[in-house]
Amino acid sequence: FDLFGGGGGRQRQESKRKVKPTVHKMKCKLEDIYNGKTTKIKVTRDRFQKKEGEDAPKACDGCEGRGMRTTMTQLGPGMYTQRTGPCDECQGQGVKAGNMKKDTKVIEVTIDKGSPQGE
């Protein structure tokens, strides 16, 4: 029974992990906004590199693919402390196979003519 949800057997759906959008601030002149411009920026990101001989990465069993693990420690009779931190088994990656690698790429960015109100 869920106190606020009214009970019922709701199933929690497994959702695919989504990466947050990346924002890169750029300096540009008023002239660039007015006329438009194409420029290049350097982007660095973390990419998963799988081990040889493996088809796809597998979710970590310790944290169920979240990368974070919650542990409870007994301090005394009836007293506990709860700590959430990176998973020890996967080092916070959420997967057990492979490792993370820095990937640098140069991307061409187009600044459109004009600017929305207030930006």
PDB file of N, CA and C in Angstrom:
ATOM      1  N   PHE A   1       0.846  -1.186   0.000  1.00  0.00           N
ATOM      2  CA  PHE A   1       0.000   0.000   0.000  1.00  0.00           C
ATOM      3  C   PHE A   1       0.885   1.240   0.000  1.00  0.00           C
ATOM      4  N   ASP A   2       0.616   2.136  -0.906  1.00  0.00           N
ATOM      5  CA  ASP A   2       1.364   3.385  -1.004  1.00  0.00           C
ATOM      6  C   ASP A   2       0.560   4.469  -0.301  1.00  0.00           C
ATOM      7  N   LEU A   3       1.167   5.169   0.654  1.00  0.00           N
ATOM      8  CA  LEU A   3       0.468   6.155   1.458  1.00  0.00           C
ATOM      9  C   LEU A   3      -0.124   7.276   0.614  1.00  0.00           C
ATOM     10  N   PHE A   4       0.605   7.770  -0.352  1.00  0.00           N
ATOM     11  CA  PHE A   4       0.123   8.891  -1.146  1.00  0.00           C
ATOM     12  C   PHE A   4      -0.424   8.465  -2.507  1.00  0.00           C
ATOM     13  N   GLY A   5      -0.043   7.295  -2.989  1.00  0.00           N
ATOM     14  CA  GLY A   5      -0.479   6.853  -4.318  1.00  0.00           C
ATOM     15  C   GLY A   5      -1.788   6.095  -4.296  1.00  0.00           C
ATOM     16  N   GLY A   6      -2.316   5.784  -3.132  1.00  0.00           N
ATOM     17  CA  GLY A   6      -3.601   5.103  -3.036  1.00  0.00           C
ATOM     18  C   GLY A   6      -3.518   3.599  -3.188  1.00  0.00           C
ATOM     19  N   GLY A   7      -2.344   3.024  -3.083  1.00  0.00           N
ATOM     20  CA  GLY A   7      -2.213   1.578  -3.195  1.00  0.00           C
ATOM     21  C   GLY A   7      -2.184   1.155  -4.644  1.00  0.00           C
ATOM     22  N   GLY A   8      -2.498  -0.073  -4.889  1.00  0.00           N
ATOM     23  CA  GLY A   8      -2.483  -0.562  -6.262  1.00  0.00           C
ATOM     24  C   GLY A   8      -1.127  -1.131  -6.606  1.00  0.00           C
ATOM     25  N   GLY A   9      -1.117  -1.985  -7.569  1.00  0.00           N
ATOM     26  CA  GLY A   9       0.122  -2.660  -7.968  1.00  0.00           C
ATOM     27  C   GLY A   9       0.773  -2.001  -9.159  1.00  0.00           C
ATOM     28  N   ARG A  10       1.266  -0.818  -8.973  1.00  0.00           N
ATOM     29  CA  ARG A  10       1.940  -0.132 -10.077  1.00  0.00           C
ATOM     30  C   ARG A  10       3.328  -0.704 -10.274  1.00  0.00           C
ATOM     31  N   GLN A  11       3.698  -0.868 -11.523  1.00  0.00           N
ATOM     32  CA  GLN A  11       5.027  -1.341 -11.870  1.00  0.00           C
ATOM     33  C   GLN A  11       5.893  -0.153 -12.252  1.00  0.00           C
ATOM     34  N   ARG A  12       7.098  -0.135 -11.767  1.00  0.00           N
ATOM     35  CA  ARG A  12       8.010   0.914 -12.162  1.00  0.00           C
ATOM     36  C   ARG A  12       8.657   0.531 -13.487  1.00  0.00           C
ATOM     37  N   GLN A  13       8.559   1.408 -14.459  1.00  0.00           N
ATOM     38  CA  GLN A  13       9.088   1.093 -15.778  1.00  0.00           C
ATOM     39  C   GLN A  13      10.581   1.354 -15.820  1.00  0.00           C
ATOM     40  N   GLU A  14      11.281   0.444 -16.513  1.00  0.00           N
ATOM     41  CA  GLU A  14      12.714   0.629 -16.717  1.00  0.00           C
ATOM     42  C   GLU A  14      12.888   1.666 -17.812  1.00  0.00           C
ATOM     43  N   SER A  15      13.578   2.726 -17.521  1.00  0.00           N
ATOM     44  CA  SER A  15      13.820   3.749 -18.538  1.00  0.00           C
ATOM     45  C   SER A  15      15.293   3.733 -18.910  1.00  0.00           C
ATOM     46  N   LYS A  16      15.561   4.046 -20.142  1.00  0.00           N
ATOM     47  CA  LYS A  16      16.925   4.087 -20.628  1.00  0.00           C
ATOM     48  C   LYS A  16      17.625   5.306 -20.040  1.00  0.00           C
ATOM     49  N   ARG A  17      18.861   5.146 -19.621  1.00  0.00           N
ATOM     50  CA  ARG A  17      19.609   6.271 -19.062  1.00  0.00           C
ATOM     51  C   ARG A  17      19.788   7.327 -20.132  1.00  0.00           C
ATOM     52  N   LYS A  18      19.436   8.564 -19.811  1.00  0.00           N
ATOM     53  CA  LYS A  18      19.578   9.657 -20.752  1.00  0.00           C
ATOM     54  C   LYS A  18      20.705  10.568 -20.303  1.00  0.00           C
ATOM     55  N   VAL A  19      21.421  11.064 -21.269  1.00  0.00           N
ATOM     56  CA  VAL A  19      22.509  11.983 -20.992  1.00  0.00           C
ATOM     57  C   VAL A  19      21.960  13.402 -21.049  1.00  0.00           C
ATOM     58  N   LYS A  20      22.367  14.223 -20.103  1.00  0.00           N
ATOM     59  CA  LYS A  20      21.902  15.610 -20.082  1.00  0.00           C
ATOM     60  C   LYS A  20      22.499  16.365 -21.266  1.00  0.00           C
ATOM     61  N   PRO A  21      21.752  17.308 -21.844  1.00  0.00           N
ATOM     62  CA  PRO A  21      22.299  18.109 -22.941  1.00  0.00           C
ATOM     63  C   PRO A  21      23.506  18.917 -22.476  1.00  0.00           C
ATOM     64  N   THR A  22      24.470  19.059 -23.352  1.00  0.00           N
ATOM     65  CA  THR A  22      25.678  19.793 -23.037  1.00  0.00           C
ATOM     66  C   THR A  22      25.556  21.217 -23.565  1.00  0.00           C
ATOM     67  N   VAL A  23      25.921  22.190 -22.754  1.00  0.00           N
ATOM     68  CA  VAL A  23      25.864  23.592 -23.145  1.00  0.00           C
ATOM     69  C   VAL A  23      27.279  24.149 -23.132  1.00  0.00           C
ATOM     70  N   HIS A  24      27.681  24.771 -24.222  1.00  0.00           N
ATOM     71  CA  HIS A  24      28.990  25.417 -24.312  1.00  0.00           C
ATOM     72  C   HIS A  24      28.760  26.899 -24.552  1.00  0.00           C
ATOM     73  N   LYS A  25      29.224  27.729 -23.639  1.00  0.00           N
ATOM     74  CA  LYS A  25      29.077  29.175 -23.804  1.00  0.00           C
ATOM     75  C   LYS A  25      30.173  29.678 -24.725  1.00  0.00           C
ATOM     76  N   MET A  26      29.781  30.580 -25.611  1.00  0.00           N
ATOM     77  CA  MET A  26      30.721  31.146 -26.569  1.00  0.00           C
ATOM     78  C   MET A  26      30.637  32.658 -26.518  1.00  0.00           C
ATOM     79  N   LYS A  27      31.774  33.302 -26.713  1.00  0.00           N
ATOM     80  CA  LYS A  27      31.760  34.753 -26.844  1.00  0.00           C
ATOM     81  C   LYS A  27      31.535  35.069 -28.318  1.00  0.00           C
ATOM     82  N   CYS A  28      30.608  36.002 -28.561  1.00  0.00           N
ATOM     83  CA  CYS A  28      30.392  36.435 -29.941  1.00  0.00           C
ATOM     84  C   CYS A  28      30.014  37.908 -29.937  1.00  0.00           C
ATOM     85  N   LYS A  29      30.315  38.553 -31.027  1.00  0.00           N
ATOM     86  CA  LYS A  29      30.043  39.977 -31.170  1.00  0.00           C
ATOM     87  C   LYS A  29      28.596  40.173 -31.607  1.00  0.00           C
ATOM     88  N   LEU A  30      28.087  41.368 -31.410  1.00  0.00           N
ATOM     89  CA  LEU A  30      26.747  41.718 -31.866  1.00  0.00           C
ATOM     90  C   LEU A  30      26.651  41.549 -33.378  1.00  0.00           C
ATOM     91  N   GLU A  31      27.723  41.846 -34.057  1.00  0.00           N
ATOM     92  CA  GLU A  31      27.781  41.708 -35.514  1.00  0.00           C
ATOM     93  C   GLU A  31      27.572  40.237 -35.927  1.00  0.00           C
ATOM     94  N   ASP A  32      28.156  39.297 -35.156  1.00  0.00           N
ATOM     95  CA  ASP A  32      28.009  37.867 -35.453  1.00  0.00           C
ATOM     96  C   ASP A  32      26.560  37.420 -35.309  1.00  0.00           C
ATOM     97  N   ILE A  33      25.860  37.943 -34.297  1.00  0.00           N
ATOM     98  CA  ILE A  33      24.456  37.588 -34.086  1.00  0.00           C
ATOM     99  C   ILE A  33      23.594  38.184 -35.201  1.00  0.00           C
ATOM    100  N   TYR A  34      23.911  39.408 -35.597  1.00  0.00           N
ATOM    101  CA  TYR A  34      23.122  40.093 -36.620  1.00  0.00           C
ATOM    102  C   TYR A  34      23.289  39.432 -37.993  1.00  0.00           C
ATOM    103  N   ASN A  35      24.524  39.102 -38.371  1.00  0.00           N
ATOM    104  CA  ASN A  35      24.795  38.546 -39.700  1.00  0.00           C
ATOM    105  C   ASN A  35      24.833  37.024 -39.733  1.00  0.00           C
ATOM    106  N   GLY A  36      25.004  36.387 -38.590  1.00  0.00           N
ATOM    107  CA  GLY A  36      25.175  34.939 -38.558  1.00  0.00           C
ATOM    108  C   GLY A  36      26.648  34.605 -38.743  1.00  0.00           C
ATOM    109  N   LYS A  37      27.055  33.433 -38.284  1.00  0.00           N
ATOM    110  CA  LYS A  37      28.463  33.070 -38.363  1.00  0.00           C
ATOM    111  C   LYS A  37      28.607  31.561 -38.196  1.00  0.00           C
ATOM    112  N   THR A  38      29.643  31.001 -38.799  1.00  0.00           N
ATOM    113  CA  THR A  38      29.988  29.604 -38.596  1.00  0.00           C
ATOM    114  C   THR A  38      31.360  29.573 -37.935  1.00  0.00           C
ATOM    115  N   THR A  39      31.486  28.832 -36.834  1.00  0.00           N
ATOM    116  CA  THR A  39      32.748  28.748 -36.105  1.00  0.00           C
ATOM    117  C   THR A  39      32.965  27.314 -35.630  1.00  0.00           C
ATOM    118  N   LYS A  40      34.151  27.021 -35.166  1.00  0.00           N
ATOM    119  CA  LYS A  40      34.473  25.672 -34.676  1.00  0.00           C
ATOM    120  C   LYS A  40      34.748  25.739 -33.181  1.00  0.00           C
ATOM    121  N   ILE A  41      34.265  24.707 -32.449  1.00  0.00           N
ATOM    122  CA  ILE A  41      34.539  24.605 -31.014  1.00  0.00           C
ATOM    123  C   ILE A  41      35.071  23.206 -30.709  1.00  0.00           C
ATOM    124  N   LYS A  42      35.848  23.112 -29.651  1.00  0.00           N
ATOM    125  CA  LYS A  42      36.416  21.840 -29.218  1.00  0.00           C
ATOM    126  C   LYS A  42      35.579  21.296 -28.065  1.00  0.00           C
ATOM    127  N   VAL A  43      35.086  20.068 -28.209  1.00  0.00           N
ATOM    128  CA  VAL A  43      34.214  19.456 -27.202  1.00  0.00           C
ATOM    129  C   VAL A  43      34.892  18.202 -26.655  1.00  0.00           C
ATOM    130  N   THR A  44      34.944  18.076 -25.327  1.00  0.00           N
ATOM    131  CA  THR A  44      35.495  16.889 -24.679  1.00  0.00           C
ATOM    132  C   THR A  44      34.377  16.207 -23.905  1.00  0.00           C
ATOM    133  N   ARG A  45      34.259  14.898 -24.064  1.00  0.00           N
ATOM    134  CA  ARG A  45      33.212  14.144 -23.362  1.00  0.00           C
ATOM    135  C   ARG A  45      33.740  12.781 -22.959  1.00  0.00           C
ATOM    136  N   ASP A  46      33.049  12.137 -22.025  1.00  0.00           N
ATOM    137  CA  ASP A  46      33.399  10.792 -21.587  1.00  0.00           C
ATOM    138  C   ASP A  46      32.632   9.790 -22.433  1.00  0.00           C
ATOM    139  N   ARG A  47      33.337   8.808 -22.964  1.00  0.00           N
ATOM    140  CA  ARG A  47      32.697   7.773 -23.775  1.00  0.00           C
ATOM    141  C   ARG A  47      33.039   6.420 -23.185  1.00  0.00           C
ATOM    142  N   PHE A  48      32.103   5.496 -23.277  1.00  0.00           N
ATOM    143  CA  PHE A  48      32.318   4.147 -22.770  1.00  0.00           C
ATOM    144  C   PHE A  48      33.072   3.349 -23.820  1.00  0.00           C
ATOM    145  N   GLN A  49      34.141   2.677 -23.402  1.00  0.00           N
ATOM    146  CA  GLN A  49      34.919   1.838 -24.304  1.00  0.00           C
ATOM    147  C   GLN A  49      34.803   0.404 -23.802  1.00  0.00           C
ATOM    148  N   LYS A  50      34.157  -0.451 -24.592  1.00  0.00           N
ATOM    149  CA  LYS A  50      33.945  -1.829 -24.132  1.00  0.00           C
ATOM    150  C   LYS A  50      35.205  -2.663 -24.299  1.00  0.00           C
ATOM    151  N   LYS A  51      35.279  -3.723 -23.515  1.00  0.00           N
ATOM    152  CA  LYS A  51      36.417  -4.626 -23.570  1.00  0.00           C
ATOM    153  C   LYS A  51      36.320  -5.492 -24.818  1.00  0.00           C
ATOM    154  N   GLU A  52      37.465  -6.000 -25.264  1.00  0.00           N
ATOM    155  CA  GLU A  52      37.482  -6.852 -26.437  1.00  0.00           C
ATOM    156  C   GLU A  52      36.741  -8.147 -26.149  1.00  0.00           C
ATOM    157  N   GLY A  53      35.995  -8.631 -27.140  1.00  0.00           N
ATOM    158  CA  GLY A  53      35.277  -9.887 -27.010  1.00  0.00           C
ATOM    159  C   GLY A  53      33.902  -9.762 -26.384  1.00  0.00           C
ATOM    160  N   GLU A  54      33.480  -8.572 -26.006  1.00  0.00           N
ATOM    161  CA  GLU A  54      32.160  -8.377 -25.415  1.00  0.00           C
ATOM    162  C   GLU A  54      31.260  -7.654 -26.399  1.00  0.00           C
ATOM    163  N   ASP A  55      30.021  -8.113 -26.501  1.00  0.00           N
ATOM    164  CA  ASP A  55      29.076  -7.516 -27.440  1.00  0.00           C
ATOM    165  C   ASP A  55      28.528  -6.202 -26.925  1.00  0.00           C
ATOM    166  N   ALA A  56      28.027  -6.196 -25.700  1.00  0.00           N
ATOM    167  CA  ALA A  56      27.409  -4.992 -25.141  1.00  0.00           C
ATOM    168  C   ALA A  56      27.732  -4.916 -23.651  1.00  0.00           C
ATOM    169  N   PRO A  57      27.804  -3.724 -23.102  1.00  0.00           N
ATOM    170  CA  PRO A  57      28.062  -3.597 -21.660  1.00  0.00           C
ATOM    171  C   PRO A  57      26.879  -4.113 -20.844  1.00  0.00           C
ATOM    172  N   LYS A  58      27.178  -4.673 -19.677  1.00  0.00           N
ATOM    173  CA  LYS A  58      26.135  -5.199 -18.799  1.00  0.00           C
ATOM    174  C   LYS A  58      26.010  -4.296 -17.581  1.00  0.00           C
ATOM    175  N   ALA A  59      24.778  -4.088 -17.142  1.00  0.00           N
ATOM    176  CA  ALA A  59      24.541  -3.244 -15.964  1.00  0.00           C
ATOM    177  C   ALA A  59      25.184  -3.885 -14.740  1.00  0.00           C
ATOM    178  N   CYS A  60      25.736  -3.057 -13.895  1.00  0.00           N
ATOM    179  CA  CYS A  60      26.380  -3.522 -12.670  1.00  0.00           C
ATOM    180  C   CYS A  60      25.336  -4.143 -11.733  1.00  0.00           C
ATOM    181  N   ASP A  61      25.675  -5.267 -11.113  1.00  0.00           N
ATOM    182  CA  ASP A  61      24.755  -5.926 -10.186  1.00  0.00           C
ATOM    183  C   ASP A  61      24.668  -5.188  -8.855  1.00  0.00           C
ATOM    184  N   GLY A  62      25.748  -4.546  -8.430  1.00  0.00           N
ATOM    185  CA  GLY A  62      25.788  -3.874  -7.128  1.00  0.00           C
ATOM    186  C   GLY A  62      24.902  -2.647  -7.060  1.00  0.00           C
ATOM    187  N   CYS A  63      24.833  -1.874  -8.154  1.00  0.00           N
ATOM    188  CA  CYS A  63      24.050  -0.626  -8.133  1.00  0.00           C
ATOM    189  C   CYS A  63      22.895  -0.650  -9.134  1.00  0.00           C
ATOM    190  N   GLU A  64      22.697  -1.771  -9.795  1.00  0.00           N
ATOM    191  CA  GLU A  64      21.636  -1.954 -10.793  1.00  0.00           C
ATOM    192  C   GLU A  64      21.740  -0.930 -11.926  1.00  0.00           C
ATOM    193  N   GLY A  65      22.971  -0.571 -12.303  1.00  0.00           N
ATOM    194  CA  GLY A  65      23.201   0.317 -13.433  1.00  0.00           C
ATOM    195  C   GLY A  65      23.095   1.796 -13.130  1.00  0.00           C
ATOM    196  N   ARG A  66      22.876   2.177 -11.865  1.00  0.00           N
ATOM    197  CA  ARG A  66      22.729   3.594 -11.518  1.00  0.00           C
ATOM    198  C   ARG A  66      24.064   4.286 -11.281  1.00  0.00           C
ATOM    199  N   GLY A  67      25.090   3.539 -10.898  1.00  0.00           N
ATOM    200  CA  GLY A  67      26.386   4.133 -10.604  1.00  0.00           C
ATOM    201  C   GLY A  67      26.520   4.588  -9.157  1.00  0.00           C
ATOM    202  N   MET A  68      25.407   4.680  -8.430  1.00  0.00           N
ATOM    203  CA  MET A  68      25.418   5.090  -7.024  1.00  0.00           C
ATOM    204  C   MET A  68      24.847   3.952  -6.182  1.00  0.00           C
ATOM    205  N   ARG A  69      25.346   3.853  -4.952  1.00  0.00           N
ATOM    206  CA  ARG A  69      24.900   2.787  -4.052  1.00  0.00           C
ATOM    207  C   ARG A  69      24.618   3.374  -2.679  1.00  0.00           C
ATOM    208  N   THR A  70      23.524   2.952  -2.063  1.00  0.00           N
ATOM    209  CA  THR A  70      23.155   3.406  -0.728  1.00  0.00           C
ATOM    210  C   THR A  70      23.458   2.287   0.265  1.00  0.00           C
ATOM    211  N   THR A  71      24.214   2.623   1.317  1.00  0.00           N
ATOM    212  CA  THR A  71      24.549   1.633   2.333  1.00  0.00           C
ATOM    213  C   THR A  71      24.089   2.127   3.700  1.00  0.00           C
ATOM    214  N   MET A  72      23.667   1.186   4.544  1.00  0.00           N
ATOM    215  CA  MET A  72      23.244   1.514   5.907  1.00  0.00           C
ATOM    216  C   MET A  72      24.210   0.863   6.881  1.00  0.00           C
ATOM    217  N   THR A  73      24.643   1.627   7.874  1.00  0.00           N
ATOM    218  CA  THR A  73      25.576   1.139   8.879  1.00  0.00           C
ATOM    219  C   THR A  73      24.956   1.332  10.260  1.00  0.00           C
ATOM    220  N   GLN A  74      25.024   0.280  11.082  1.00  0.00           N
ATOM    221  CA  GLN A  74      24.468   0.366  12.434  1.00  0.00           C
ATOM    222  C   GLN A  74      25.475   1.048  13.349  1.00  0.00           C
ATOM    223  N   LEU A  75      25.031   2.124  14.003  1.00  0.00           N
ATOM    224  CA  LEU A  75      25.876   2.863  14.935  1.00  0.00           C
ATOM    225  C   LEU A  75      25.746   2.337  16.353  1.00  0.00           C
ATOM    226  N   GLY A  76      24.583   1.847  16.675  1.00  0.00           N
ATOM    227  CA  GLY A  76      24.303   1.340  18.015  1.00  0.00           C
ATOM    228  C   GLY A  76      22.930   0.695  17.994  1.00  0.00           C
ATOM    229  N   PRO A  77      22.428   0.271  19.152  1.00  0.00           N
ATOM    230  CA  PRO A  77      21.112  -0.361  19.169  1.00  0.00           C
ATOM    231  C   PRO A  77      20.021   0.605  18.691  1.00  0.00           C
ATOM    232  N   GLY A  78      19.427   0.294  17.568  1.00  0.00           N
ATOM    233  CA  GLY A  78      18.338   1.100  17.027  1.00  0.00           C
ATOM    234  C   GLY A  78      18.794   2.368  16.316  1.00  0.00           C
ATOM    235  N   MET A  79      20.103   2.551  16.148  1.00  0.00           N
ATOM    236  CA  MET A  79      20.611   3.761  15.470  1.00  0.00           C
ATOM    237  C   MET A  79      21.386   3.350  14.219  1.00  0.00           C
ATOM    238  N   TYR A  80      20.986   3.920  13.098  1.00  0.00           N
ATOM    239  CA  TYR A  80      21.614   3.615  11.820  1.00  0.00           C
ATOM    240  C   TYR A  80      21.993   4.914  11.107  1.00  0.00           C
ATOM    241  N   THR A  81      22.973   4.815  10.232  1.00  0.00           N
ATOM    242  CA  THR A  81      23.302   5.925   9.352  1.00  0.00           C
ATOM    243  C   THR A  81      23.223   5.422   7.916  1.00  0.00           C
ATOM    244  N   GLN A  82      22.791   6.289   7.029  1.00  0.00           N
ATOM    245  CA  GLN A  82      22.630   5.915   5.631  1.00  0.00           C
ATOM    246  C   GLN A  82      23.551   6.802   4.784  1.00  0.00           C
ATOM    247  N   ARG A  83      24.297   6.177   3.869  1.00  0.00           N
ATOM    248  CA  ARG A  83      25.241   6.903   3.023  1.00  0.00           C
ATOM    249  C   ARG A  83      25.044   6.508   1.570  1.00  0.00           C
ATOM    250  N   THR A  84      25.006   7.498   0.683  1.00  0.00           N
ATOM    251  CA  THR A  84      24.921   7.239  -0.748  1.00  0.00           C
ATOM    252  C   THR A  84      26.209   7.730  -1.386  1.00  0.00           C
ATOM    253  N   GLY A  85      26.832   6.866  -2.173  1.00  0.00           N
ATOM    254  CA  GLY A  85      28.088   7.219  -2.823  1.00  0.00           C
ATOM    255  C   GLY A  85      28.300   6.386  -4.061  1.00  0.00           C
ATOM    256  N   PRO A  86      29.402   6.600  -4.758  1.00  0.00           N
ATOM    257  CA  PRO A  86      29.665   5.827  -5.966  1.00  0.00           C
ATOM    258  C   PRO A  86      29.808   4.344  -5.667  1.00  0.00           C
ATOM    259  N   CYS A  87      29.352   3.533  -6.580  1.00  0.00           N
ATOM    260  CA  CYS A  87      29.407   2.078  -6.427  1.00  0.00           C
ATOM    261  C   CYS A  87      30.864   1.612  -6.438  1.00  0.00           C
ATOM    262  N   ASP A  88      31.212   0.704  -5.509  1.00  0.00           N
ATOM    263  CA  ASP A  88      32.571   0.183  -5.427  1.00  0.00           C
ATOM    264  C   ASP A  88      32.875  -0.804  -6.548  1.00  0.00           C
ATOM    265  N   GLU A  89      31.865  -1.512  -7.016  1.00  0.00           N
ATOM    266  CA  GLU A  89      32.079  -2.548  -8.029  1.00  0.00           C
ATOM    267  C   GLU A  89      32.360  -1.975  -9.414  1.00  0.00           C
ATOM    268  N   CYS A  90      31.672  -0.883  -9.773  1.00  0.00           N
ATOM    269  CA  CYS A  90      31.816  -0.319 -11.126  1.00  0.00           C
ATOM    270  C   CYS A  90      32.464   1.067 -11.117  1.00  0.00           C
ATOM    271  N   GLN A  91      32.909   1.552  -9.956  1.00  0.00           N
ATOM    272  CA  GLN A  91      33.526   2.872  -9.789  1.00  0.00           C
ATOM    273  C   GLN A  91      32.607   3.997 -10.279  1.00  0.00           C
ATOM    274  N   GLY A  92      31.296   3.828 -10.091  1.00  0.00           N
ATOM    275  CA  GLY A  92      30.335   4.871 -10.434  1.00  0.00           C
ATOM    276  C   GLY A  92      29.943   4.935 -11.895  1.00  0.00           C
ATOM    277  N   GLN A  93      30.372   3.954 -12.705  1.00  0.00           N
ATOM    278  CA  GLN A  93      30.058   3.974 -14.129  1.00  0.00           C
ATOM    279  C   GLN A  93      28.696   3.368 -14.439  1.00  0.00           C
ATOM    280  N   GLY A  94      28.211   2.469 -13.606  1.00  0.00           N
ATOM    281  CA  GLY A  94      26.923   1.827 -13.841  1.00  0.00           C
ATOM    282  C   GLY A  94      27.022   0.563 -14.669  1.00  0.00           C
ATOM    283  N   VAL A  95      28.183   0.296 -15.226  1.00  0.00           N
ATOM    284  CA  VAL A  95      28.409  -0.920 -16.016  1.00  0.00           C
ATOM    285  C   VAL A  95      29.684  -1.593 -15.531  1.00  0.00           C
ATOM    286  N   LYS A  96      29.758  -2.895 -15.727  1.00  0.00           N
ATOM    287  CA  LYS A  96      30.901  -3.649 -15.226  1.00  0.00           C
ATOM    288  C   LYS A  96      31.962  -3.905 -16.289  1.00  0.00           C
ATOM    289  N   ALA A  97      31.638  -3.729 -17.558  1.00  0.00           N
ATOM    290  CA  ALA A  97      32.582  -4.046 -18.617  1.00  0.00           C
ATOM    291  C   ALA A  97      33.199  -2.780 -19.177  1.00  0.00           C
ATOM    292  N   GLY A  98      34.461  -2.860 -19.541  1.00  0.00           N
ATOM    293  CA  GLY A  98      35.101  -1.724 -20.188  1.00  0.00           C
ATOM    294  C   GLY A  98      35.433  -0.605 -19.227  1.00  0.00           C
ATOM    295  N   ASN A  99      35.714   0.576 -19.801  1.00  0.00           N
ATOM    296  CA  ASN A  99      36.048   1.733 -18.981  1.00  0.00           C
ATOM    297  C   ASN A  99      35.676   3.008 -19.721  1.00  0.00           C
ATOM    298  N   MET A 100      35.756   4.119 -19.017  1.00  0.00           N
ATOM    299  CA  MET A 100      35.420   5.408 -19.617  1.00  0.00           C
ATOM    300  C   MET A 100      36.696   6.025 -20.197  1.00  0.00           C
ATOM    301  N   LYS A 101      36.525   6.680 -21.342  1.00  0.00           N
ATOM    302  CA  LYS A 101      37.649   7.288 -22.040  1.00  0.00           C
ATOM    303  C   LYS A 101      37.265   8.698 -22.450  1.00  0.00           C
ATOM    304  N   LYS A 102      38.187   9.651 -22.300  1.00  0.00           N
ATOM    305  CA  LYS A 102      37.950  11.031 -22.740  1.00  0.00           C
ATOM    306  C   LYS A 102      38.033  11.069 -24.264  1.00  0.00           C
ATOM    307  N   ASP A 103      37.028  11.683 -24.876  1.00  0.00           N
ATOM    308  CA  ASP A 103      36.972  11.797 -26.324  1.00  0.00           C
ATOM    309  C   ASP A 103      36.871  13.279 -26.682  1.00  0.00           C
ATOM    310  N   THR A 104      37.792  13.769 -27.501  1.00  0.00           N
ATOM    311  CA  THR A 104      37.797  15.171 -27.899  1.00  0.00           C
ATOM    312  C   THR A 104      37.461  15.265 -29.377  1.00  0.00           C
ATOM    313  N   LYS A 105      36.568  16.193 -29.689  1.00  0.00           N
ATOM    314  CA  LYS A 105      36.105  16.356 -31.056  1.00  0.00           C
ATOM    315  C   LYS A 105      35.978  17.841 -31.370  1.00  0.00           C
ATOM    316  N   VAL A 106      36.272  18.226 -32.600  1.00  0.00           N
ATOM    317  CA  VAL A 106      36.079  19.598 -33.044  1.00  0.00           C
ATOM    318  C   VAL A 106      34.790  19.629 -33.857  1.00  0.00           C
ATOM    319  N   ILE A 107      33.853  20.485 -33.438  1.00  0.00           N
ATOM    320  CA  ILE A 107      32.532  20.554 -34.065  1.00  0.00           C
ATOM    321  C   ILE A 107      32.340  21.932 -34.678  1.00  0.00           C
ATOM    322  N   GLU A 108      31.738  21.939 -35.866  1.00  0.00           N
ATOM    323  CA  GLU A 108      31.423  23.199 -36.529  1.00  0.00           C
ATOM    324  C   GLU A 108      30.032  23.650 -36.072  1.00  0.00           C
ATOM    325  N   VAL A 109      29.947  24.877 -35.563  1.00  0.00           N
ATOM    326  CA  VAL A 109      28.710  25.413 -35.015  1.00  0.00           C
ATOM    327  C   VAL A 109      28.258  26.593 -35.872  1.00  0.00           C
ATOM    328  N   THR A 110      26.958  26.635 -36.189  1.00  0.00           N
ATOM    329  CA  THR A 110      26.405  27.745 -36.955  1.00  0.00           C
ATOM    330  C   THR A 110      25.577  28.617 -36.048  1.00  0.00           C
ATOM    331  N   ILE A 111      25.881  29.916 -36.012  1.00  0.00           N
ATOM    332  CA  ILE A 111      25.091  30.882 -35.260  1.00  0.00           C
ATOM    333  C   ILE A 111      24.104  31.484 -36.251  1.00  0.00           C
ATOM    334  N   ASP A 112      22.804  31.280 -36.018  1.00  0.00           N
ATOM    335  CA  ASP A 112      21.776  31.779 -36.921  1.00  0.00           C
ATOM    336  C   ASP A 112      21.679  33.303 -36.835  1.00  0.00           C
ATOM    337  N   LYS A 113      21.165  33.890 -37.897  1.00  0.00           N
ATOM    338  CA  LYS A 113      20.946  35.341 -37.914  1.00  0.00           C
ATOM    339  C   LYS A 113      19.862  35.693 -36.921  1.00  0.00           C
ATOM    340  N   GLY A 114      20.044  36.789 -36.217  1.00  0.00           N
ATOM    341  CA  GLY A 114      19.034  37.269 -35.255  1.00  0.00           C
ATOM    342  C   GLY A 114      19.148  36.566 -33.926  1.00  0.00           C
ATOM    343  N   SER A 115      18.327  37.040 -32.986  1.00  0.00           N
ATOM    344  CA  SER A 115      18.322  36.481 -31.649  1.00  0.00           C
ATOM    345  C   SER A 115      16.911  36.572 -31.083  1.00  0.00           C
ATOM    346  N   PRO A 116      16.441  35.533 -30.359  1.00  0.00           N
ATOM    347  CA  PRO A 116      15.129  35.612 -29.736  1.00  0.00           C
ATOM    348  C   PRO A 116      15.085  36.743 -28.708  1.00  0.00           C
ATOM    349  N   GLN A 117      13.904  37.260 -28.455  1.00  0.00           N
ATOM    350  CA  GLN A 117      13.709  38.361 -27.509  1.00  0.00           C
ATOM    351  C   GLN A 117      14.246  37.951 -26.134  1.00  0.00           C
ATOM    352  N   GLY A 118      15.075  38.795 -25.546  1.00  0.00           N
ATOM    353  CA  GLY A 118      15.545  38.582 -24.185  1.00  0.00           C
ATOM    354  C   GLY A 118      16.835  37.789 -24.074  1.00  0.00           C
ATOM    355  N   GLU A 119      17.423  37.365 -25.152  1.00  0.00           N
ATOM    356  CA  GLU A 119      18.672  36.592 -25.068  1.00  0.00           C
ATOM    357  C   GLU A 119      19.840  37.440 -25.469  1.00  0.00           C
TER     358      GLU A 119
END
